[in-house]
């Protein structure tokens, strides 16, 4: 799991009336759907990955729409088959098909990867 920091906080004002403000970050973060290579970031001895490569494929995305004090969550999930990968969006009671390009949005909040065998 990779959690993207989507919130920032800071102090507004310079007097006794200064206040803490929070804002949502909607920066577009580019993330791979396949072949995320983490070998350069892992200690192979400590993780036991000496023989298995640390290559990961995305299988889910949790999205957040709204602001710092409220909003709405949706999710994308992948279904692999012999013909390829199909992506689905889950939004309350609605499920719809999506293209891989539509999975990478500014609303991405938590990324779920699975290591290849």
C-alpha atoms as a PDB file:
ATOM      1  CA  UNK A   1       0.000   0.000   0.000  1.00  0.00           C
ATOM      2  CA  UNK A   2       1.155   3.484  -0.820  1.00  0.00           C
ATOM      3  CA  UNK A   3      -0.605   6.387   0.859  1.00  0.00           C
ATOM      4  CA  UNK A   4      -0.414   9.693  -1.010  1.00  0.00           C
ATOM      5  CA  UNK A   5      -0.294  12.775   1.179  1.00  0.00           C
ATOM      6  CA  UNK A   6      -3.300  14.775   0.035  1.00  0.00           C
ATOM      7  CA  UNK A   7      -3.619  17.249   2.894  1.00  0.00           C
ATOM      8  CA  UNK A   8      -1.452  20.153   4.034  1.00  0.00           C
ATOM      9  CA  UNK A   9      -1.644  22.369   7.095  1.00  0.00           C
ATOM     10  CA  UNK A  10      -0.123  25.675   8.030  1.00  0.00           C
ATOM     11  CA  UNK A  11      -0.580  28.822  10.085  1.00  0.00           C
ATOM     12  CA  UNK A  12      -2.435  31.791   8.607  1.00  0.00           C
ATOM     13  CA  UNK A  13      -1.769  35.190  10.156  1.00  0.00           C
ATOM     14  CA  UNK A  14       0.945  36.499  12.460  1.00  0.00           C
ATOM     15  CA  UNK A  15      -1.028  37.792  15.411  1.00  0.00           C
ATOM     16  CA  UNK A  16      -2.839  36.309  18.382  1.00  0.00           C
ATOM     17  CA  UNK A  17      -5.638  35.630  15.886  1.00  0.00           C
ATOM     18  CA  UNK A  18      -3.485  33.276  13.823  1.00  0.00           C
ATOM     19  CA  UNK A  19      -5.179  30.035  12.973  1.00  0.00           C
ATOM     20  CA  UNK A  20      -4.296  26.604  11.722  1.00  0.00           C
ATOM     21  CA  UNK A  21      -5.603  26.026   8.224  1.00  0.00           C
ATOM     22  CA  UNK A  22      -5.865  22.753   6.344  1.00  0.00           C
ATOM     23  CA  UNK A  23      -6.131  22.349   2.625  1.00  0.00           C
ATOM     24  CA  UNK A  24      -6.507  19.451   0.229  1.00  0.00           C
ATOM     25  CA  UNK A  25      -3.730  18.848  -2.287  1.00  0.00           C
ATOM     26  CA  UNK A  26      -4.966  17.872  -5.734  1.00  0.00           C
ATOM     27  CA  UNK A  27      -1.605  17.569  -7.438  1.00  0.00           C
ATOM     28  CA  UNK A  28      -1.641  14.986 -10.196  1.00  0.00           C
ATOM     29  CA  UNK A  29       0.644  12.124  -9.146  1.00  0.00           C
ATOM     30  CA  UNK A  30       1.856   9.817 -11.874  1.00  0.00           C
ATOM     31  CA  UNK A  31       1.969   6.201 -10.725  1.00  0.00           C
ATOM     32  CA  UNK A  32       2.557   3.028 -12.737  1.00  0.00           C
ATOM     33  CA  UNK A  33      -0.194   0.478 -13.262  1.00  0.00           C
ATOM     34  CA  UNK A  34       2.400  -2.230 -13.872  1.00  0.00           C
ATOM     35  CA  UNK A  35       6.087  -2.873 -13.254  1.00  0.00           C
ATOM     36  CA  UNK A  36       6.652  -0.729 -10.151  1.00  0.00           C
ATOM     37  CA  UNK A  37      10.256  -1.651  -9.390  1.00  0.00           C
ATOM     38  CA  UNK A  38      11.190  -1.200  -5.736  1.00  0.00           C
ATOM     39  CA  UNK A  39      14.423  -3.213  -5.743  1.00  0.00           C
ATOM     40  CA  UNK A  40      16.497  -0.067  -5.307  1.00  0.00           C
ATOM     41  CA  UNK A  41      14.621   0.821  -2.118  1.00  0.00           C
ATOM     42  CA  UNK A  42      14.611  -2.524  -0.315  1.00  0.00           C
ATOM     43  CA  UNK A  43      17.258  -4.229   1.760  1.00  0.00           C
ATOM     44  CA  UNK A  44      17.142  -7.684   0.135  1.00  0.00           C
ATOM     45  CA  UNK A  45      18.716  -9.393   3.133  1.00  0.00           C
ATOM     46  CA  UNK A  46      16.245  -7.934   5.617  1.00  0.00           C
ATOM     47  CA  UNK A  47      13.164  -8.480   3.441  1.00  0.00           C
ATOM     48  CA  UNK A  48      13.989 -11.966   2.147  1.00  0.00           C
ATOM     49  CA  UNK A  49      13.690 -10.834  -1.472  1.00  0.00           C
ATOM     50  CA  UNK A  50      17.055 -12.170  -2.616  1.00  0.00           C
ATOM     51  CA  UNK A  51      15.484 -14.542  -5.142  1.00  0.00           C
ATOM     52  CA  UNK A  52      12.182 -12.830  -5.921  1.00  0.00           C
ATOM     53  CA  UNK A  53      12.257  -9.441  -7.655  1.00  0.00           C
ATOM     54  CA  UNK A  54      10.421  -6.581  -5.986  1.00  0.00           C
ATOM     55  CA  UNK A  55       8.238  -5.811  -9.021  1.00  0.00           C
ATOM     56  CA  UNK A  56       4.659  -4.773  -8.273  1.00  0.00           C
ATOM     57  CA  UNK A  57       1.434  -4.337 -10.248  1.00  0.00           C
ATOM     58  CA  UNK A  58      -1.415  -2.055  -9.222  1.00  0.00           C
ATOM     59  CA  UNK A  59      -4.682  -3.801  -8.380  1.00  0.00           C
ATOM     60  CA  UNK A  60      -6.630  -1.097  -6.575  1.00  0.00           C
ATOM     61  CA  UNK A  61      -6.959   2.636  -5.965  1.00  0.00           C
ATOM     62  CA  UNK A  62      -8.923   4.398  -3.243  1.00  0.00           C
ATOM     63  CA  UNK A  63     -10.046   7.877  -4.328  1.00  0.00           C
ATOM     64  CA  UNK A  64     -11.179  10.845  -2.248  1.00  0.00           C
ATOM     65  CA  UNK A  65     -13.292  13.667  -3.631  1.00  0.00           C
ATOM     66  CA  UNK A  66     -14.057  16.728  -1.548  1.00  0.00           C
ATOM     67  CA  UNK A  67     -12.217  18.761   1.035  1.00  0.00           C
ATOM     68  CA  UNK A  68     -10.428  18.343   4.327  1.00  0.00           C
ATOM     69  CA  UNK A  69     -13.578  18.176   6.423  1.00  0.00           C
ATOM     70  CA  UNK A  70     -15.726  15.971   4.255  1.00  0.00           C
ATOM     71  CA  UNK A  71     -16.044  14.276   0.945  1.00  0.00           C
ATOM     72  CA  UNK A  72     -16.752  11.078  -0.903  1.00  0.00           C
ATOM     73  CA  UNK A  73     -14.698   7.930  -1.478  1.00  0.00           C
ATOM     74  CA  UNK A  74     -14.700   5.704  -4.545  1.00  0.00           C
ATOM     75  CA  UNK A  75     -12.449   2.835  -5.594  1.00  0.00           C
ATOM     76  CA  UNK A  76     -10.958   1.319  -8.718  1.00  0.00           C
ATOM     77  CA  UNK A  77     -10.042  -2.336  -8.822  1.00  0.00           C
ATOM     78  CA  UNK A  78      -8.439  -4.532 -11.445  1.00  0.00           C
ATOM     79  CA  UNK A  79      -9.619  -7.907 -12.652  1.00  0.00           C
ATOM     80  CA  UNK A  80      -6.964  -9.849 -14.531  1.00  0.00           C
ATOM     81  CA  UNK A  81      -7.871 -12.402 -17.155  1.00  0.00           C
ATOM     82  CA  UNK A  82      -6.068 -14.174 -19.961  1.00  0.00           C
ATOM     83  CA  UNK A  83      -7.131 -11.404 -22.344  1.00  0.00           C
ATOM     84  CA  UNK A  84      -5.749  -8.586 -20.148  1.00  0.00           C
ATOM     85  CA  UNK A  85      -6.746  -6.408 -17.222  1.00  0.00           C
ATOM     86  CA  UNK A  86     -10.184  -4.877 -16.813  1.00  0.00           C
ATOM     87  CA  UNK A  87     -10.646  -1.907 -14.481  1.00  0.00           C
ATOM     88  CA  UNK A  88     -13.854  -1.209 -12.557  1.00  0.00           C
ATOM     89  CA  UNK A  89     -14.949   1.791 -10.518  1.00  0.00           C
ATOM     90  CA  UNK A  90     -17.039   1.267  -7.389  1.00  0.00           C
ATOM     91  CA  UNK A  91     -19.055   4.344  -6.411  1.00  0.00           C
ATOM     92  CA  UNK A  92     -21.691   3.602  -3.787  1.00  0.00           C
ATOM     93  CA  UNK A  93     -24.122   1.230  -5.516  1.00  0.00           C
ATOM     94  CA  UNK A  94     -22.733   1.820  -9.025  1.00  0.00           C
ATOM     95  CA  UNK A  95     -20.072  -0.281 -10.734  1.00  0.00           C
ATOM     96  CA  UNK A  96     -18.696   0.772 -14.116  1.00  0.00           C
ATOM     97  CA  UNK A  97     -15.911  -0.233 -16.510  1.00  0.00           C
ATOM     98  CA  UNK A  98     -12.985   2.125 -17.056  1.00  0.00           C
ATOM     99  CA  UNK A  99      -9.854   2.292 -19.151  1.00  0.00           C
ATOM    100  CA  UNK A 100      -6.436   2.062 -17.475  1.00  0.00           C
ATOM    101  CA  UNK A 101      -5.811   5.748 -18.266  1.00  0.00           C
ATOM    102  CA  UNK A 102      -8.913   6.743 -16.277  1.00  0.00           C
ATOM    103  CA  UNK A 103      -7.538   5.100 -13.112  1.00  0.00           C
ATOM    104  CA  UNK A 104      -4.806   7.731 -12.721  1.00  0.00           C
ATOM    105  CA  UNK A 105      -6.678  10.752 -11.353  1.00  0.00           C
ATOM    106  CA  UNK A 106      -6.041  13.680  -9.015  1.00  0.00           C
ATOM    107  CA  UNK A 107      -8.373  11.960  -6.563  1.00  0.00           C
ATOM    108  CA  UNK A 108      -6.055   8.942  -6.016  1.00  0.00           C
ATOM    109  CA  UNK A 109      -5.452   8.621  -2.273  1.00  0.00           C
ATOM    110  CA  UNK A 110      -4.263   5.079  -1.504  1.00  0.00           C
ATOM    111  CA  UNK A 111      -2.612   2.765  -4.051  1.00  0.00           C
ATOM    112  CA  UNK A 112      -2.709  -1.016  -3.653  1.00  0.00           C
ATOM    113  CA  UNK A 113       0.067  -3.030  -5.291  1.00  0.00           C
ATOM    114  CA  UNK A 114       0.749  -6.756  -5.425  1.00  0.00           C
ATOM    115  CA  UNK A 115       4.186  -8.246  -5.826  1.00  0.00           C
ATOM    116  CA  UNK A 116       4.690 -10.455  -8.848  1.00  0.00           C
ATOM    117  CA  UNK A 117       5.542 -14.069  -8.202  1.00  0.00           C
END
